Protein backbone atom coordinates (compact mmCIF):
# COMPACT_ATOMS: atom_id res chain seq x y z
CA MET A 1 -33.15 3.99 -4.59
CA ARG A 2 -31.05 3.25 -7.54
CA ARG A 3 -27.44 1.72 -7.18
CA SER A 4 -24.60 3.88 -9.08
CA HIS A 5 -22.54 0.76 -9.56
CA ALA A 6 -23.16 -2.50 -11.59
CA SER A 7 -23.80 -5.40 -9.19
CA THR A 8 -20.51 -7.61 -8.84
CA ALA A 9 -20.07 -11.46 -8.95
CA PRO A 10 -19.44 -12.98 -5.39
CA GLY A 11 -15.92 -13.86 -6.63
CA GLU A 12 -15.32 -10.36 -7.21
CA ASP A 13 -16.49 -9.10 -3.67
CA GLU A 14 -14.17 -11.86 -2.21
CA SER A 15 -11.23 -10.47 -4.47
CA ARG A 16 -11.82 -7.06 -3.33
CA SER A 17 -12.30 -7.57 0.22
CA ALA A 18 -8.85 -9.76 0.22
CA ALA A 19 -6.92 -7.05 -1.91
CA ARG A 20 -8.39 -4.48 0.48
CA ARG A 21 -7.10 -6.45 3.76
CA PHE A 22 -3.92 -7.06 2.11
CA ALA A 23 -3.25 -2.97 1.07
CA GLU A 24 -4.30 -1.85 4.47
CA SER A 25 -1.71 -4.15 5.93
CA ALA A 26 0.79 -3.48 3.23
CA VAL A 27 0.34 0.24 3.56
CA ARG A 28 0.99 -0.01 7.55
CA VAL A 29 4.10 -1.94 7.15
CA VAL A 30 5.41 0.56 4.49
CA LEU A 31 5.18 3.41 6.65
CA GLU A 32 6.55 1.65 9.60
CA VAL A 33 9.51 0.74 7.45
CA LEU A 34 9.88 4.48 6.10
CA ASP A 35 9.80 5.70 9.95
CA ARG A 36 12.14 3.28 10.95
CA ARG A 37 9.92 1.39 13.21
CA ARG A 38 10.37 -1.97 11.44
CA PRO A 39 13.66 -3.18 9.55
CA VAL A 40 13.95 -3.03 5.56
CA PRO A 41 14.08 -6.61 5.13
CA GLN A 42 10.40 -6.93 6.94
CA LEU A 43 9.02 -5.20 3.70
CA ALA A 44 10.06 -8.29 1.69
CA VAL A 45 7.20 -10.30 2.98
CA VAL A 46 4.78 -8.15 1.36
CA ALA A 47 6.45 -6.34 -1.42
CA ASP A 48 8.59 -7.40 -4.65
CA ALA A 49 12.45 -6.62 -4.44
CA THR A 50 12.10 -3.79 -6.46
CA VAL A 51 9.93 -1.99 -3.95
CA VAL A 52 12.02 -3.12 -1.18
CA ALA A 53 15.12 -1.42 -2.94
CA ALA A 54 13.21 1.82 -3.95
CA VAL A 55 12.31 2.11 0.07
CA ARG A 56 15.73 1.36 0.90
CA THR A 57 17.15 4.14 -1.43
CA LEU A 58 14.38 6.90 -0.49
CA ILE A 59 15.39 5.93 3.62
CA GLY A 60 19.33 5.62 2.93
CA ALA A 61 19.20 9.41 0.78
CA GLY A 62 16.71 10.87 3.62
CA LEU A 63 14.14 11.48 1.17
CA VAL A 64 10.96 9.90 3.08
CA PRO A 65 8.63 13.21 2.80
CA GLY A 66 7.80 14.62 6.08
CA ARG A 67 9.90 12.33 8.17
CA ASP A 68 11.11 15.44 10.50
CA LEU A 69 7.16 16.14 11.13
CA GLY A 70 6.66 13.09 13.31
CA VAL A 71 5.23 9.24 13.16
CA ALA A 72 3.24 8.37 9.86
CA VAL A 73 -0.47 7.19 10.60
CA PRO A 74 -2.41 5.53 7.68
CA MET A 75 -5.75 7.75 7.34
CA ARG A 76 -7.54 6.36 4.62
CA VAL A 77 -6.81 3.20 2.07
CA ASN A 78 -8.92 2.64 -1.21
CA VAL A 79 -8.50 0.02 -3.72
CA VAL A 80 -9.79 -0.35 -6.99
CA LEU A 81 -9.49 -3.69 -8.79
CA VAL A 82 -8.13 -3.60 -12.44
CA ASP A 83 -8.75 -7.06 -12.90
CA ALA A 84 -9.38 -10.41 -10.91
CA LYS A 85 -5.30 -10.54 -10.36
CA THR A 86 -4.38 -6.66 -10.06
CA ALA A 87 -5.39 -3.86 -8.17
CA GLU A 88 -4.58 0.06 -7.79
CA VAL A 89 -4.45 1.08 -4.09
CA PHE A 90 -4.36 4.97 -3.16
CA ALA A 91 -4.04 6.10 0.52
CA THR A 92 -3.44 8.92 2.49
CA TYR A 93 -1.09 9.48 5.95
CA GLY A 94 -0.65 12.20 8.14
CA ARG A 95 2.30 13.28 9.81
CA GLY A 96 2.18 16.01 12.33
CA GLY A 97 -0.44 18.32 11.19
CA ARG A 98 0.04 17.63 7.19
CA HIS A 99 -1.41 14.77 4.90
CA PHE A 100 0.64 12.81 2.48
CA ALA A 101 -0.30 10.18 -0.48
CA LEU A 102 0.83 7.34 -1.59
CA ALA A 103 0.06 5.04 -4.61
CA ALA A 104 0.60 1.38 -4.99
CA ARG A 105 -0.27 -1.25 -7.44
CA ILE A 106 -0.77 -4.81 -6.04
CA ALA A 107 -0.67 -8.08 -7.97
CA ARG A 108 -1.99 -11.65 -6.71
CA THR A 109 0.38 -14.37 -7.50
CA ARG A 110 -0.55 -18.51 -7.03
CA SER A 111 2.66 -18.91 -4.63
CA ALA A 112 2.45 -15.73 -2.34
CA GLY A 113 -0.98 -14.26 -2.68
CA TRP A 114 -1.05 -10.45 -2.80
CA ARG A 115 2.34 -8.62 -3.62
CA LEU A 116 2.86 -5.00 -3.45
CA THR A 117 4.84 -4.75 -6.79
CA ALA A 118 4.96 -0.77 -7.32
CA LEU A 119 4.84 2.11 -5.06
CA ARG A 120 4.91 5.83 -5.17
CA ILE A 121 5.08 7.98 -2.05
CA ARG A 122 4.51 11.91 -1.88
């Protein structure tokens, strides 16, 4: 059987795995903050200040999608490496009987490892 993707270097596989682990954790933290199960400042551990400010604004203005439908449950998280230090994240989550989506960008820094640098929630 022929592989549909070109083979990847071992370092790239490790980077992809680390990015995926971080993304899954970050998505869970974001959803818990949006549900007010965690305080907003805890998001600063995984996200840049601009993301924290945007999430704070969403919560304060009551603009969290589907908040009245119940607790957000992560369903699927996908990660695509852009380069060795940047990845795009797209995820789905459920609230009640509905499905929602979010997109994010993560970047690897020398000092802090992977960080959530952009977030869009629908």
